[in-house]
Amino acid sequence: MLFDVWGSDTLIHWAGWAMVFIGLIVLNEVGRRTKLGAAIIFGVAPLAMR
Protein backbone atom coordinates (compact mmCIF):
# COMPACT_ATOMS: atom_id res chain seq x y z
CA MET A 1 0.00 0.00 0.00
CA LEU A 2 1.24 3.49 -0.81
CA PHE A 3 0.92 5.04 2.65
CA ASP A 4 1.49 1.87 4.69
CA VAL A 5 4.93 2.79 6.07
CA TRP A 6 4.78 0.65 9.20
CA GLY A 7 5.82 -2.98 9.14
CA SER A 8 8.73 -5.14 8.15
CA ASP A 9 9.97 -2.77 5.41
CA THR A 10 9.62 0.46 7.39
CA LEU A 11 13.19 1.67 6.87
CA ILE A 12 13.06 1.06 3.11
CA HIS A 13 9.78 2.95 2.79
CA TRP A 14 10.98 5.97 4.75
CA ALA A 15 14.28 6.01 2.81
CA GLY A 16 12.33 5.96 -0.46
CA TRP A 17 10.13 8.86 0.63
CA ALA A 18 13.23 10.82 1.74
CA MET A 19 15.05 10.22 -1.56
CA VAL A 20 12.07 11.40 -3.61
CA PHE A 21 11.65 14.50 -1.42
CA ILE A 22 15.35 15.41 -1.59
CA GLY A 23 15.42 14.77 -5.34
CA LEU A 24 12.50 17.13 -5.89
CA ILE A 25 14.19 19.82 -3.83
CA VAL A 26 17.45 19.47 -5.77
CA LEU A 27 15.70 19.58 -9.17
CA ASN A 28 13.74 22.64 -8.09
CA GLU A 29 16.92 24.45 -7.07
CA VAL A 30 18.68 23.56 -10.35
CA GLY A 31 15.70 24.81 -12.34
CA ARG A 32 15.43 27.98 -10.31
CA ARG A 33 19.08 29.03 -10.16
CA THR A 34 20.38 28.47 -13.70
CA LYS A 35 18.94 29.30 -17.11
CA LEU A 36 20.18 26.03 -18.58
CA GLY A 37 18.67 24.07 -15.70
CA ALA A 38 15.34 25.83 -16.19
CA ALA A 39 15.41 25.12 -19.91
CA ILE A 40 16.10 21.44 -19.29
CA ILE A 41 13.64 20.91 -16.45
CA PHE A 42 10.75 23.01 -17.80
CA GLY A 43 11.38 22.58 -21.53
CA VAL A 44 13.21 19.42 -22.49
CA ALA A 45 12.04 17.10 -19.70
CA PRO A 46 8.30 17.51 -20.41
CA LEU A 47 8.91 16.88 -24.09
CA ALA A 48 10.90 13.75 -23.27
CA MET A 49 8.09 12.43 -21.06
CA ARG A 50 5.49 12.74 -23.83
C-alpha atoms as a PDB file:
ATOM      1  CA  MET A   1       0.000   0.000   0.000  1.00  0.00           C
ATOM      2  CA  LEU A   2       1.240   3.491  -0.806  1.00  0.00           C
ATOM      3  CA  PHE A   3       0.915   5.036   2.648  1.00  0.00           C
ATOM      4  CA  ASP A   4       1.494   1.869   4.686  1.00  0.00           C
ATOM      5  CA  VAL A   5       4.929   2.795   6.069  1.00  0.00           C
ATOM      6  CA  TRP A   6       4.778   0.647   9.202  1.00  0.00           C
ATOM      7  CA  GLY A   7       5.819  -2.981   9.140  1.00  0.00           C
ATOM      8  CA  SER A   8       8.730  -5.138   8.151  1.00  0.00           C
ATOM      9  CA  ASP A   9       9.971  -2.767   5.410  1.00  0.00           C
ATOM     10  CA  THR A  10       9.618   0.458   7.390  1.00  0.00           C
ATOM     11  CA  LEU A  11      13.191   1.668   6.871  1.00  0.00           C
ATOM     12  CA  ILE A  12      13.065   1.062   3.114  1.00  0.00           C
ATOM     13  CA  HIS A  13       9.775   2.947   2.791  1.00  0.00           C
ATOM     14  CA  TRP A  14      10.980   5.969   4.754  1.00  0.00           C
ATOM     15  CA  ALA A  15      14.275   6.011   2.809  1.00  0.00           C
ATOM     16  CA  GLY A  16      12.335   5.962  -0.458  1.00  0.00           C
ATOM     17  CA  TRP A  17      10.134   8.864   0.633  1.00  0.00           C
ATOM     18  CA  ALA A  18      13.227  10.819   1.739  1.00  0.00           C
ATOM     19  CA  MET A  19      15.054  10.216  -1.561  1.00  0.00           C
ATOM     20  CA  VAL A  20      12.070  11.402  -3.607  1.00  0.00           C
ATOM     21  CA  PHE A  21      11.650  14.496  -1.420  1.00  0.00           C
ATOM     22  CA  ILE A  22      15.354  15.409  -1.586  1.00  0.00           C
ATOM     23  CA  GLY A  23      15.421  14.765  -5.337  1.00  0.00           C
ATOM     24  CA  LEU A  24      12.497  17.129  -5.893  1.00  0.00           C
ATOM     25  CA  ILE A  25      14.191  19.824  -3.828  1.00  0.00           C
ATOM     26  CA  VAL A  26      17.452  19.470  -5.773  1.00  0.00           C
ATOM     27  CA  LEU A  27      15.703  19.576  -9.166  1.00  0.00           C
ATOM     28  CA  ASN A  28      13.737  22.640  -8.093  1.00  0.00           C
ATOM     29  CA  GLU A  29      16.923  24.448  -7.075  1.00  0.00           C
ATOM     30  CA  VAL A  30      18.679  23.563 -10.348  1.00  0.00           C
ATOM     31  CA  GLY A  31      15.702  24.807 -12.341  1.00  0.00           C
ATOM     32  CA  ARG A  32      15.433  27.977 -10.312  1.00  0.00           C
ATOM     33  CA  ARG A  33      19.080  29.026 -10.164  1.00  0.00           C
ATOM     34  CA  THR A  34      20.380  28.466 -13.704  1.00  0.00           C
ATOM     35  CA  LYS A  35      18.944  29.300 -17.107  1.00  0.00           C
ATOM     36  CA  LEU A  36      20.182  26.032 -18.578  1.00  0.00           C
ATOM     37  CA  GLY A  37      18.671  24.073 -15.701  1.00  0.00           C
ATOM     38  CA  ALA A  38      15.337  25.830 -16.191  1.00  0.00           C
ATOM     39  CA  ALA A  39      15.406  25.119 -19.914  1.00  0.00           C
ATOM     40  CA  ILE A  40      16.100  21.438 -19.294  1.00  0.00           C
ATOM     41  CA  ILE A  41      13.639  20.909 -16.455  1.00  0.00           C
ATOM     42  CA  PHE A  42      10.753  23.005 -17.798  1.00  0.00           C
ATOM     43  CA  GLY A  43      11.379  22.578 -21.531  1.00  0.00           C
ATOM     44  CA  VAL A  44      13.213  19.421 -22.489  1.00  0.00           C
ATOM     45  CA  ALA A  45      12.043  17.101 -19.698  1.00  0.00           C
ATOM     46  CA  PRO A  46       8.305  17.515 -20.410  1.00  0.00           C
ATOM     47  CA  LEU A  47       8.906  16.878 -24.090  1.00  0.00           C
ATOM     48  CA  ALA A  48      10.902  13.751 -23.269  1.00  0.00           C
ATOM     49  CA  MET A  49       8.088  12.425 -21.056  1.00  0.00           C
ATOM     50  CA  ARG A  50       5.494  12.738 -23.831  1.00  0.00           C
END
